[in-house]
Amino acid sequence: MKEIETSILIDATAEEVWQVLSEFKAYSQWSPTIKQFEKQPVVGKRCKVLLEQPNGFKIKMNPKFLSIEQNSELRWKGDLFFPGIFDGEHYFRLEQVGASQVRFVQGEFFSGLLVPFLGKLLIETKRGFELFNIAIKGRVECRS
């Protein structure tokens, strides 16, 4: 198993960050990496998500949403073709660190047979997480 985790401080409340994170129809307006949700995600259900890496590689995943906890966490798990080949459990966590500051954490646990062979993809994925973090920070802080 391999984990990638990134974080950024956002000058806002968890509620303000959650408003942007959970406004799934608006991602195409600001997100550099998560381009579209097919529908409103529901815990325990699958929802197609269009992803684009910084290098232009696009993929449409159909992850199962594991957690949608208001002002706290969004988590899903997807796989490539079928479970066990290349699986990823993606998460966003909001950690209130002050009255008006949140640590926004984004990460993913990768598992499966192909993980040892996809080092470049994982590096690009981390870069994408960092770009997303900067974008959500900008979107939230310009609304505050």
Protein backbone atom coordinates (compact mmCIF):
# COMPACT_ATOMS: atom_id res chain seq x y z
CA MET A 1 0.00 0.00 0.00
CA LYS A 2 1.14 3.56 -0.76
CA GLU A 3 -0.25 6.80 0.64
CA ILE A 4 -0.02 10.33 -0.68
CA GLU A 5 -1.13 13.15 1.60
CA THR A 6 -1.05 16.92 1.15
CA SER A 7 -2.44 19.82 3.16
CA ILE A 8 -2.91 23.57 3.06
CA LEU A 9 -4.12 26.16 5.56
CA ILE A 10 -7.25 28.06 4.53
CA ASP A 11 -8.32 31.28 6.23
CA ALA A 12 -11.96 30.34 6.78
CA THR A 13 -14.21 28.20 8.95
CA ALA A 14 -14.83 24.50 8.30
CA GLU A 15 -18.38 25.46 7.26
CA GLU A 16 -17.07 27.85 4.59
CA VAL A 17 -14.64 25.27 3.20
CA TRP A 18 -17.34 22.58 3.24
CA GLN A 19 -19.65 24.85 1.21
CA VAL A 20 -17.14 24.86 -1.63
CA LEU A 21 -16.07 21.22 -1.26
CA SER A 22 -19.67 19.96 -1.32
CA GLU A 23 -20.87 22.16 -4.20
CA PHE A 24 -20.24 19.34 -6.66
CA LYS A 25 -21.84 20.99 -9.69
CA ALA A 26 -19.41 23.93 -9.47
CA TYR A 27 -16.12 21.98 -9.66
CA SER A 28 -15.82 22.60 -13.40
CA GLN A 29 -15.59 26.34 -12.64
CA TRP A 30 -12.54 26.17 -10.41
CA SER A 31 -10.97 22.72 -9.94
CA PRO A 32 -7.86 21.95 -11.99
CA THR A 33 -8.10 18.18 -11.38
CA ILE A 34 -11.62 17.08 -10.42
CA LYS A 35 -13.59 18.27 -13.40
CA GLN A 36 -17.08 16.85 -12.96
CA PHE A 37 -19.38 14.76 -10.79
CA GLU A 38 -22.08 12.99 -12.80
CA LYS A 39 -24.62 13.54 -10.02
CA GLN A 40 -24.85 14.42 -6.34
CA PRO A 41 -22.77 11.84 -4.42
CA VAL A 42 -24.53 9.70 -1.81
CA VAL A 43 -22.84 7.55 0.85
CA GLY A 44 -22.85 3.89 -0.17
CA LYS A 45 -23.54 4.67 -3.84
CA ARG A 46 -21.34 5.06 -6.88
CA CYS A 47 -21.03 8.32 -8.81
CA LYS A 48 -18.91 8.90 -11.90
CA VAL A 49 -16.16 11.48 -11.43
CA LEU A 50 -14.08 12.95 -14.25
CA LEU A 51 -10.46 13.46 -13.18
CA GLU A 52 -7.64 15.21 -15.04
CA GLN A 53 -3.98 15.05 -14.07
CA PRO A 54 -1.74 18.12 -14.49
CA ASN A 55 -0.10 16.37 -17.48
CA GLY A 56 -3.48 16.23 -19.26
CA PHE A 57 -4.25 12.54 -18.58
CA LYS A 58 -8.02 12.19 -18.09
CA ILE A 59 -9.97 9.32 -16.59
CA LYS A 60 -13.57 8.81 -15.59
CA MET A 61 -13.80 6.83 -12.36
CA ASN A 62 -16.92 5.36 -10.80
CA PRO A 63 -16.03 5.36 -7.09
CA LYS A 64 -18.23 4.37 -4.20
CA PHE A 65 -18.70 7.17 -1.68
CA LEU A 66 -17.73 5.99 1.79
CA SER A 67 -18.20 9.16 3.84
CA ILE A 68 -19.82 12.55 3.40
CA GLU A 69 -19.62 14.14 6.83
CA GLN A 70 -20.63 17.79 6.79
CA ASN A 71 -17.81 20.18 7.74
CA SER A 72 -15.49 17.23 8.34
CA GLU A 73 -14.78 14.60 5.64
CA LEU A 74 -15.46 13.48 2.09
CA ARG A 75 -14.16 10.01 1.14
CA TRP A 76 -14.56 7.63 -1.79
CA LYS A 77 -12.97 4.45 -3.08
CA GLY A 78 -12.46 3.55 -6.70
CA ASP A 79 -10.67 0.92 -8.73
CA LEU A 80 -9.24 0.53 -12.19
CA PHE A 81 -11.22 -2.05 -14.18
CA PHE A 82 -11.89 -4.23 -11.12
CA PRO A 83 -10.74 -4.39 -7.47
CA GLY A 84 -7.19 -5.49 -6.76
CA ILE A 85 -5.48 -4.11 -9.88
CA PHE A 86 -5.14 -0.43 -8.87
CA ASP A 87 -7.43 0.80 -6.11
CA GLY A 88 -7.54 4.20 -4.50
CA GLU A 89 -9.29 5.44 -1.39
CA HIS A 90 -9.39 9.22 -1.72
CA TYR A 91 -10.14 11.55 1.16
CA PHE A 92 -10.57 15.20 2.05
CA ARG A 93 -10.52 16.18 5.73
CA LEU A 94 -11.24 19.55 7.28
CA GLU A 95 -9.44 20.23 10.54
CA GLN A 96 -10.37 23.47 12.33
CA VAL A 97 -7.09 24.80 13.75
CA GLY A 98 -8.26 28.24 14.88
CA ALA A 99 -11.38 30.36 15.02
CA SER A 100 -11.08 31.12 11.33
CA GLN A 101 -8.46 28.75 9.95
CA VAL A 102 -8.80 25.21 8.59
CA ARG A 103 -6.19 22.67 7.65
CA PHE A 104 -7.48 21.16 4.42
CA VAL A 105 -6.05 17.65 4.04
CA GLN A 106 -6.26 15.69 0.81
CA GLY A 107 -4.85 12.23 0.39
CA GLU A 108 -5.24 8.79 -1.06
CA PHE A 109 -4.33 5.23 -0.12
CA PHE A 110 -3.32 3.20 -3.17
CA SER A 111 -3.30 -0.59 -3.27
CA GLY A 112 -3.27 -3.33 -5.86
CA LEU A 113 -0.96 -5.19 -8.20
CA LEU A 114 0.01 -2.18 -10.33
CA VAL A 115 0.98 0.22 -7.52
CA PRO A 116 4.74 -0.68 -7.60
CA PHE A 117 4.84 0.08 -11.34
CA LEU A 118 3.06 3.45 -11.33
CA GLY A 119 5.56 5.70 -9.57
CA LYS A 120 5.33 8.49 -12.17
CA LEU A 121 1.54 8.47 -11.96
CA LEU A 122 1.69 8.81 -8.18
CA ILE A 123 4.10 11.77 -8.44
CA GLU A 124 1.74 13.45 -10.91
CA THR A 125 -1.20 12.65 -8.63
CA LYS A 126 0.51 14.39 -5.70
CA ARG A 127 1.14 17.43 -7.89
CA GLY A 128 -2.54 17.41 -8.81
CA PHE A 129 -3.54 17.31 -5.14
CA GLU A 130 -1.36 20.34 -4.46
CA LEU A 131 -2.92 22.26 -7.38
CA PHE A 132 -6.41 21.36 -6.16
CA ASN A 133 -5.52 22.51 -2.63
CA ILE A 134 -4.34 25.90 -3.92
CA ALA A 135 -7.49 26.24 -6.04
CA ILE A 136 -9.92 25.45 -3.22
CA LYS A 137 -8.04 27.83 -0.90
CA GLY A 138 -8.43 30.62 -3.47
CA ARG A 139 -12.10 29.85 -4.06
CA VAL A 140 -12.94 29.76 -0.35
CA GLU A 141 -10.92 32.80 0.65
CA CYS A 142 -12.30 35.00 -2.15
CA ARG A 143 -15.84 34.20 -0.89
CA SER A 144 -15.02 35.03 2.76
